[in-house]
């Protein structure tokens, strides 16, 4: 998926997605030097290790609440 940086508003960049919808995105999370008109490639990858770590942590907290 691609998005174009339409403009900056405060601490956000307004991205125009391929379907023409606008999405506010934290400007600090953009690549260094990104500016209006730049085209961004957006990819989504699942971090399986982090996901599993968070699940285990949440399960431990839930067990602590309900099993005490």
C-alpha atoms as a PDB file:
ATOM      1  CA  UNK A   1       0.000   0.000   0.000  1.00  0.00           C
ATOM      2  CA  UNK A   2       1.170   3.543  -0.664  1.00  0.00           C
ATOM      3  CA  UNK A   3       0.278   6.892   0.867  1.00  0.00           C
ATOM      4  CA  UNK A   4       1.152  10.485   0.035  1.00  0.00           C
ATOM      5  CA  UNK A   5       1.988  13.028   2.700  1.00  0.00           C
ATOM      6  CA  UNK A   6      -0.707  15.623   2.042  1.00  0.00           C
ATOM      7  CA  UNK A   7       0.224  18.091   4.766  1.00  0.00           C
ATOM      8  CA  UNK A   8       1.438  18.524   8.328  1.00  0.00           C
ATOM      9  CA  UNK A   9      -0.833  19.671  11.151  1.00  0.00           C
ATOM     10  CA  UNK A  10       0.730  20.088  14.555  1.00  0.00           C
ATOM     11  CA  UNK A  11       2.548  16.892  15.398  1.00  0.00           C
ATOM     12  CA  UNK A  12       0.762  14.914  12.704  1.00  0.00           C
ATOM     13  CA  UNK A  13       1.193  14.259   9.017  1.00  0.00           C
ATOM     14  CA  UNK A  14      -2.048  13.845   7.106  1.00  0.00           C
ATOM     15  CA  UNK A  15      -1.594  10.910   4.738  1.00  0.00           C
ATOM     16  CA  UNK A  16      -3.755  10.376   1.688  1.00  0.00           C
ATOM     17  CA  UNK A  17      -4.237   6.657   1.167  1.00  0.00           C
ATOM     18  CA  UNK A  18      -4.783   4.963  -2.180  1.00  0.00           C
ATOM     19  CA  UNK A  19      -8.548   4.945  -1.660  1.00  0.00           C
ATOM     20  CA  UNK A  20      -8.375   8.766  -1.190  1.00  0.00           C
ATOM     21  CA  UNK A  21      -9.118   8.630   2.558  1.00  0.00           C
ATOM     22  CA  UNK A  22      -7.076  10.840   4.850  1.00  0.00           C
ATOM     23  CA  UNK A  23      -5.267   9.405   7.849  1.00  0.00           C
ATOM     24  CA  UNK A  24      -3.573  11.416  10.611  1.00  0.00           C
ATOM     25  CA  UNK A  25      -0.218   9.853  11.410  1.00  0.00           C
ATOM     26  CA  UNK A  26       2.344  10.892  14.045  1.00  0.00           C
ATOM     27  CA  UNK A  27       4.958  12.974  12.243  1.00  0.00           C
ATOM     28  CA  UNK A  28       7.663  11.667  14.588  1.00  0.00           C
ATOM     29  CA  UNK A  29       7.070   8.138  13.217  1.00  0.00           C
ATOM     30  CA  UNK A  30       7.825   9.169   9.629  1.00  0.00           C
ATOM     31  CA  UNK A  31      11.235   8.579   8.065  1.00  0.00           C
ATOM     32  CA  UNK A  32      13.684  11.404   8.678  1.00  0.00           C
ATOM     33  CA  UNK A  33      13.409  14.107   6.036  1.00  0.00           C
ATOM     34  CA  UNK A  34       9.879  13.179   4.924  1.00  0.00           C
ATOM     35  CA  UNK A  35       7.958  16.143   3.539  1.00  0.00           C
ATOM     36  CA  UNK A  36       4.697  17.067   1.824  1.00  0.00           C
ATOM     37  CA  UNK A  37       4.217  15.255  -1.464  1.00  0.00           C
ATOM     38  CA  UNK A  38       6.474  12.335  -0.570  1.00  0.00           C
ATOM     39  CA  UNK A  39       5.091   8.885  -1.368  1.00  0.00           C
ATOM     40  CA  UNK A  40       5.400   6.339   1.419  1.00  0.00           C
ATOM     41  CA  UNK A  41       5.319   2.566   1.084  1.00  0.00           C
ATOM     42  CA  UNK A  42       3.297   1.085   3.921  1.00  0.00           C
ATOM     43  CA  UNK A  43       3.932  -2.508   4.874  1.00  0.00           C
ATOM     44  CA  UNK A  44       2.547  -4.564   7.701  1.00  0.00           C
ATOM     45  CA  UNK A  45       4.531  -7.339   9.243  1.00  0.00           C
ATOM     46  CA  UNK A  46       3.502  -9.299  12.289  1.00  0.00           C
ATOM     47  CA  UNK A  47       6.151  -9.532  14.982  1.00  0.00           C
ATOM     48  CA  UNK A  48       5.313 -13.040  16.192  1.00  0.00           C
ATOM     49  CA  UNK A  49       7.835 -12.970  19.029  1.00  0.00           C
ATOM     50  CA  UNK A  50       6.540  -9.664  20.463  1.00  0.00           C
ATOM     51  CA  UNK A  51       2.934 -10.791  20.035  1.00  0.00           C
ATOM     52  CA  UNK A  52       3.549 -13.994  21.977  1.00  0.00           C
ATOM     53  CA  UNK A  53       5.459 -12.128  24.692  1.00  0.00           C
ATOM     54  CA  UNK A  54       2.542  -9.724  25.184  1.00  0.00           C
ATOM     55  CA  UNK A  55       0.043 -12.586  25.279  1.00  0.00           C
ATOM     56  CA  UNK A  56       2.040 -14.383  27.974  1.00  0.00           C
ATOM     57  CA  UNK A  57       2.332 -11.181  29.992  1.00  0.00           C
ATOM     58  CA  UNK A  58      -1.407 -10.470  29.760  1.00  0.00           C
ATOM     59  CA  UNK A  59      -2.218 -14.051  30.726  1.00  0.00           C
ATOM     60  CA  UNK A  60      -0.007 -13.796  33.830  1.00  0.00           C
ATOM     61  CA  UNK A  61      -1.719 -10.553  34.870  1.00  0.00           C
ATOM     62  CA  UNK A  62      -5.191 -12.041  34.335  1.00  0.00           C
ATOM     63  CA  UNK A  63      -4.295 -15.163  36.319  1.00  0.00           C
ATOM     64  CA  UNK A  64      -3.038 -12.945  39.135  1.00  0.00           C
ATOM     65  CA  UNK A  65      -6.326 -11.083  39.249  1.00  0.00           C
ATOM     66  CA  UNK A  66      -8.674 -14.048  39.163  1.00  0.00           C
ATOM     67  CA  UNK A  67      -6.752 -16.833  40.893  1.00  0.00           C
ATOM     68  CA  UNK A  68      -5.741 -14.985  44.061  1.00  0.00           C
END
